[in-house]
Amino acid sequence: MSDNIKSIQVLGSGCPTCKKLFETTKKVAEDLKINTPVEYISDVTKMIEMGVMTSPVLAVNGKPVLTGGGHGEADIKNALEKNLPSNNQSSGCCSCGGSC
């Protein structure tokens, strides 16, 4: 199911908020049956390279999808699902994925 997700990374300084995002992301990825491992990166240089100055950062395929604290399971699930194959297909009329 994770064909489009090559990497999932949580970037942070090691603070409790960063660690919580990491643990929650691992749980959500497992719930979604995404086989890509979730990686924790504490290298601030990586965040700067992504153009992000706020931590923590959730990145999918090297691109930030969530920044800052306070993101729950629903936010993380939405961010990951946007990168799954079934959610990238459109009916051609809009970006609803064929729901309209």
N, C-alpha and C. Protein backbone atom coordinates (compact mmCIF):
# COMPACT_ATOMS: atom_id res chain seq x y z
N MET A 1 0.81 -1.20 0.00
CA MET A 1 0.00 0.00 0.00
C MET A 1 0.85 1.26 0.00
N SER A 2 2.12 1.18 0.35
CA SER A 2 2.95 2.37 0.47
C SER A 2 3.78 2.62 -0.78
N ASP A 3 3.28 2.25 -1.97
CA ASP A 3 4.04 2.40 -3.20
C ASP A 3 4.52 3.83 -3.42
N ASN A 4 3.71 4.83 -3.10
CA ASN A 4 4.10 6.21 -3.33
C ASN A 4 4.88 6.79 -2.16
N ILE A 5 4.90 6.13 -1.03
CA ILE A 5 5.61 6.64 0.13
C ILE A 5 6.94 5.89 0.25
N LYS A 6 8.00 6.58 -0.14
CA LYS A 6 9.34 5.99 -0.09
C LYS A 6 10.03 6.27 1.23
N SER A 7 9.68 7.43 1.87
CA SER A 7 10.28 7.75 3.16
C SER A 7 9.31 8.55 4.00
N ILE A 8 9.35 8.28 5.30
CA ILE A 8 8.59 9.05 6.29
C ILE A 8 9.59 9.45 7.35
N GLN A 9 9.69 10.76 7.57
CA GLN A 9 10.67 11.26 8.52
C GLN A 9 10.02 12.25 9.48
N VAL A 10 10.40 12.15 10.74
CA VAL A 10 10.06 13.17 11.72
C VAL A 10 11.37 13.84 12.08
N LEU A 11 11.43 15.14 11.89
CA LEU A 11 12.62 15.90 12.21
C LEU A 11 12.34 16.75 13.44
N GLY A 12 13.24 16.71 14.40
CA GLY A 12 13.05 17.48 15.61
C GLY A 12 14.29 17.50 16.47
N SER A 13 14.18 18.26 17.55
CA SER A 13 15.33 18.46 18.43
C SER A 13 15.43 17.41 19.53
N GLY A 14 14.43 16.56 19.64
CA GLY A 14 14.43 15.56 20.70
C GLY A 14 13.54 15.95 21.87
N CYS A 15 12.82 17.05 21.72
CA CYS A 15 11.92 17.51 22.78
C CYS A 15 10.71 16.57 22.88
N PRO A 16 9.94 16.65 23.96
CA PRO A 16 8.77 15.78 24.11
C PRO A 16 7.76 15.90 22.97
N THR A 17 7.56 17.10 22.45
CA THR A 17 6.62 17.29 21.34
C THR A 17 7.10 16.56 20.09
N CYS A 18 8.40 16.64 19.83
CA CYS A 18 8.98 15.96 18.66
C CYS A 18 8.86 14.45 18.80
N LYS A 19 9.15 13.96 19.99
CA LYS A 19 9.07 12.52 20.24
C LYS A 19 7.63 12.02 20.14
N LYS A 20 6.68 12.85 20.59
CA LYS A 20 5.27 12.46 20.50
C LYS A 20 4.84 12.36 19.04
N LEU A 21 5.26 13.32 18.21
CA LEU A 21 4.93 13.26 16.78
C LEU A 21 5.51 12.00 16.16
N PHE A 22 6.73 11.65 16.54
CA PHE A 22 7.38 10.45 16.02
C PHE A 22 6.59 9.19 16.40
N GLU A 23 6.25 9.06 17.66
CA GLU A 23 5.52 7.87 18.13
C GLU A 23 4.13 7.79 17.50
N THR A 24 3.44 8.93 17.42
CA THR A 24 2.10 8.94 16.84
C THR A 24 2.16 8.63 15.35
N THR A 25 3.17 9.14 14.67
CA THR A 25 3.32 8.86 13.24
C THR A 25 3.56 7.37 13.01
N LYS A 26 4.38 6.74 13.85
CA LYS A 26 4.61 5.29 13.72
C LYS A 26 3.31 4.53 13.88
N LYS A 27 2.49 4.92 14.86
CA LYS A 27 1.22 4.24 15.10
C LYS A 27 0.27 4.41 13.91
N VAL A 28 0.16 5.64 13.41
CA VAL A 28 -0.75 5.91 12.29
C VAL A 28 -0.29 5.16 11.04
N ALA A 29 1.01 5.16 10.78
CA ALA A 29 1.53 4.44 9.61
C ALA A 29 1.22 2.95 9.72
N GLU A 30 1.35 2.40 10.91
CA GLU A 30 1.02 0.99 11.13
C GLU A 30 -0.48 0.75 10.92
N ASP A 31 -1.31 1.64 11.45
CA ASP A 31 -2.76 1.52 11.28
C ASP A 31 -3.17 1.55 9.80
N LEU A 32 -2.45 2.37 9.02
CA LEU A 32 -2.74 2.49 7.59
C LEU A 32 -2.06 1.40 6.76
N LYS A 33 -1.35 0.51 7.45
CA LYS A 33 -0.63 -0.59 6.79
C LYS A 33 0.42 -0.08 5.79
N ILE A 34 1.07 1.01 6.19
CA ILE A 34 2.18 1.56 5.40
C ILE A 34 3.44 0.87 5.89
N ASN A 35 4.14 0.21 5.00
CA ASN A 35 5.31 -0.58 5.38
C ASN A 35 6.60 0.23 5.44
N THR A 36 6.56 1.48 5.06
CA THR A 36 7.75 2.32 5.08
C THR A 36 8.10 2.66 6.53
N PRO A 37 9.34 2.43 6.96
CA PRO A 37 9.70 2.76 8.34
C PRO A 37 9.68 4.27 8.57
N VAL A 38 9.32 4.66 9.78
CA VAL A 38 9.34 6.07 10.17
C VAL A 38 10.70 6.34 10.80
N GLU A 39 11.38 7.34 10.29
CA GLU A 39 12.73 7.67 10.73
C GLU A 39 12.71 8.96 11.55
N TYR A 40 13.48 8.99 12.64
CA TYR A 40 13.61 10.22 13.43
C TYR A 40 14.95 10.85 13.13
N ILE A 41 14.94 12.13 12.78
CA ILE A 41 16.17 12.85 12.44
C ILE A 41 16.28 14.08 13.34
N SER A 42 17.40 14.21 14.02
CA SER A 42 17.61 15.36 14.89
C SER A 42 18.59 16.37 14.30
N ASP A 43 18.94 16.20 13.04
CA ASP A 43 19.87 17.10 12.36
C ASP A 43 19.13 18.35 11.88
N VAL A 44 19.39 19.47 12.55
CA VAL A 44 18.73 20.73 12.21
C VAL A 44 19.03 21.16 10.78
N THR A 45 20.18 20.79 10.27
CA THR A 45 20.54 21.12 8.89
C THR A 45 19.52 20.58 7.90
N LYS A 46 19.00 19.39 8.16
CA LYS A 46 17.99 18.79 7.27
C LYS A 46 16.73 19.64 7.23
N MET A 47 16.32 20.18 8.39
CA MET A 47 15.14 21.03 8.43
C MET A 47 15.38 22.30 7.61
N ILE A 48 16.55 22.87 7.76
CA ILE A 48 16.89 24.09 7.02
C ILE A 48 16.90 23.80 5.53
N GLU A 49 17.44 22.65 5.13
CA GLU A 49 17.45 22.26 3.71
C GLU A 49 16.04 22.15 3.15
N MET A 50 15.08 21.75 4.00
CA MET A 50 13.68 21.64 3.58
C MET A 50 12.97 23.00 3.59
N GLY A 51 13.65 24.02 4.11
CA GLY A 51 13.06 25.34 4.18
C GLY A 51 12.12 25.51 5.37
N VAL A 52 12.28 24.68 6.38
CA VAL A 52 11.41 24.73 7.55
C VAL A 52 12.21 25.18 8.76
N MET A 53 11.66 26.14 9.50
CA MET A 53 12.36 26.67 10.66
C MET A 53 11.65 26.32 11.97
N THR A 54 10.56 25.59 11.91
CA THR A 54 9.78 25.21 13.09
C THR A 54 9.81 23.70 13.24
N SER A 55 10.03 23.24 14.46
CA SER A 55 10.00 21.79 14.67
C SER A 55 8.85 21.45 15.61
N PRO A 56 8.39 20.23 15.58
CA PRO A 56 8.84 19.14 14.73
C PRO A 56 8.30 19.26 13.31
N VAL A 57 8.87 18.45 12.43
CA VAL A 57 8.46 18.41 11.03
C VAL A 57 8.14 16.96 10.68
N LEU A 58 7.02 16.75 10.01
CA LEU A 58 6.71 15.45 9.42
C LEU A 58 6.93 15.60 7.93
N ALA A 59 7.84 14.79 7.39
CA ALA A 59 8.15 14.85 5.96
C ALA A 59 7.84 13.50 5.32
N VAL A 60 7.24 13.57 4.15
CA VAL A 60 6.95 12.38 3.36
C VAL A 60 7.67 12.54 2.04
N ASN A 61 8.47 11.56 1.69
CA ASN A 61 9.27 11.59 0.47
C ASN A 61 10.13 12.85 0.40
N GLY A 62 10.66 13.26 1.56
CA GLY A 62 11.57 14.39 1.62
C GLY A 62 10.91 15.75 1.58
N LYS A 63 9.58 15.80 1.62
CA LYS A 63 8.87 17.08 1.58
C LYS A 63 8.07 17.26 2.86
N PRO A 64 8.17 18.44 3.49
CA PRO A 64 7.40 18.67 4.71
C PRO A 64 5.90 18.65 4.45
N VAL A 65 5.16 17.92 5.28
CA VAL A 65 3.70 17.87 5.16
C VAL A 65 3.02 18.42 6.41
N LEU A 66 3.71 18.43 7.54
CA LEU A 66 3.21 19.03 8.78
C LEU A 66 4.38 19.67 9.50
N THR A 67 4.14 20.83 10.10
CA THR A 67 5.18 21.47 10.91
C THR A 67 4.57 21.96 12.21
N GLY A 68 5.41 22.04 13.23
CA GLY A 68 4.97 22.51 14.53
C GLY A 68 4.28 21.43 15.33
N GLY A 69 4.02 21.74 16.57
CA GLY A 69 3.39 20.77 17.46
C GLY A 69 1.88 20.82 17.41
N GLY A 70 1.27 19.94 18.17
CA GLY A 70 -0.17 19.94 18.31
C GLY A 70 -0.94 19.14 17.28
N HIS A 71 -0.24 18.37 16.46
CA HIS A 71 -0.93 17.57 15.45
C HIS A 71 -1.29 16.20 16.03
N GLY A 72 -2.55 15.86 15.91
CA GLY A 72 -3.03 14.58 16.41
C GLY A 72 -3.05 13.52 15.33
N GLU A 73 -3.60 12.37 15.68
CA GLU A 73 -3.66 11.24 14.75
C GLU A 73 -4.39 11.59 13.46
N ALA A 74 -5.47 12.35 13.55
CA ALA A 74 -6.25 12.69 12.35
C ALA A 74 -5.43 13.52 11.37
N ASP A 75 -4.67 14.50 11.88
CA ASP A 75 -3.82 15.33 11.02
C ASP A 75 -2.76 14.48 10.33
N ILE A 76 -2.14 13.61 11.09
CA ILE A 76 -1.08 12.76 10.55
C ILE A 76 -1.66 11.79 9.52
N LYS A 77 -2.80 11.21 9.84
CA LYS A 77 -3.46 10.29 8.91
C LYS A 77 -3.76 10.99 7.60
N ASN A 78 -4.33 12.19 7.66
CA ASN A 78 -4.63 12.94 6.44
C ASN A 78 -3.38 13.23 5.63
N ALA A 79 -2.30 13.61 6.32
CA ALA A 79 -1.05 13.93 5.62
C ALA A 79 -0.48 12.70 4.92
N LEU A 80 -0.55 11.54 5.58
CA LEU A 80 -0.02 10.32 4.97
C LEU A 80 -0.92 9.82 3.85
N GLU A 81 -2.24 9.88 4.07
CA GLU A 81 -3.18 9.39 3.05
C GLU A 81 -3.07 10.16 1.74
N LYS A 82 -2.72 11.43 1.82
CA LYS A 82 -2.58 12.23 0.60
C LYS A 82 -1.47 11.70 -0.30
N ASN A 83 -0.57 10.90 0.26
CA ASN A 83 0.55 10.35 -0.51
C ASN A 83 0.36 8.90 -0.89
N LEU A 84 -0.80 8.33 -0.60
CA LEU A 84 -1.09 6.95 -0.99
C LEU A 84 -1.70 6.92 -2.38
N PRO A 85 -1.43 5.87 -3.16
CA PRO A 85 -1.90 5.80 -4.54
C PRO A 85 -3.40 6.01 -4.71
N SER A 86 -4.22 5.43 -3.87
CA SER A 86 -5.67 5.53 -4.05
C SER A 86 -6.18 6.95 -3.86
N ASN A 87 -5.41 7.79 -3.17
CA ASN A 87 -5.85 9.16 -2.93
C ASN A 87 -5.24 10.15 -3.90
N ASN A 88 -4.43 9.70 -4.83
CA ASN A 88 -3.84 10.59 -5.82
C ASN A 88 -4.54 10.50 -7.15
N GLN A 89 -5.57 9.68 -7.24
CA GLN A 89 -6.28 9.52 -8.50
C GLN A 89 -7.49 10.43 -8.49
N SER A 90 -7.67 11.16 -9.55
CA SER A 90 -8.78 12.09 -9.65
C SER A 90 -9.72 11.65 -10.74
N SER A 91 -10.95 12.08 -10.63
CA SER A 91 -11.93 11.78 -11.67
C SER A 91 -11.69 12.66 -12.89
N GLY A 92 -10.81 13.63 -12.77
CA GLY A 92 -10.52 14.52 -13.89
C GLY A 92 -11.19 15.86 -13.77
N CYS A 93 -12.21 15.97 -12.92
CA CYS A 93 -12.93 17.23 -12.82
C CYS A 93 -12.39 18.11 -11.70
N CYS A 94 -11.83 17.51 -10.69
CA CYS A 94 -11.30 18.29 -9.58
C CYS A 94 -10.33 17.41 -8.79
N SER A 95 -9.96 17.85 -7.63
CA SER A 95 -9.01 17.07 -6.83
C SER A 95 -9.71 16.28 -5.73
N CYS A 96 -10.97 15.95 -5.93
CA CYS A 96 -11.73 15.24 -4.89
C CYS A 96 -11.43 13.75 -4.87
N GLY A 97 -10.71 13.25 -5.86
CA GLY A 97 -10.44 11.82 -5.92
C GLY A 97 -11.61 11.02 -6.43
N GLY A 98 -12.51 11.69 -7.13
CA GLY A 98 -13.66 11.00 -7.71
C GLY A 98 -14.87 10.97 -6.81
N SER A 99 -14.87 11.76 -5.74
CA SER A 99 -15.98 11.75 -4.79
C SER A 99 -17.13 12.67 -5.16
N CYS A 100 -16.95 13.49 -6.18
CA CYS A 100 -18.03 14.44 -6.50
C CYS A 100 -18.97 13.89 -7.55
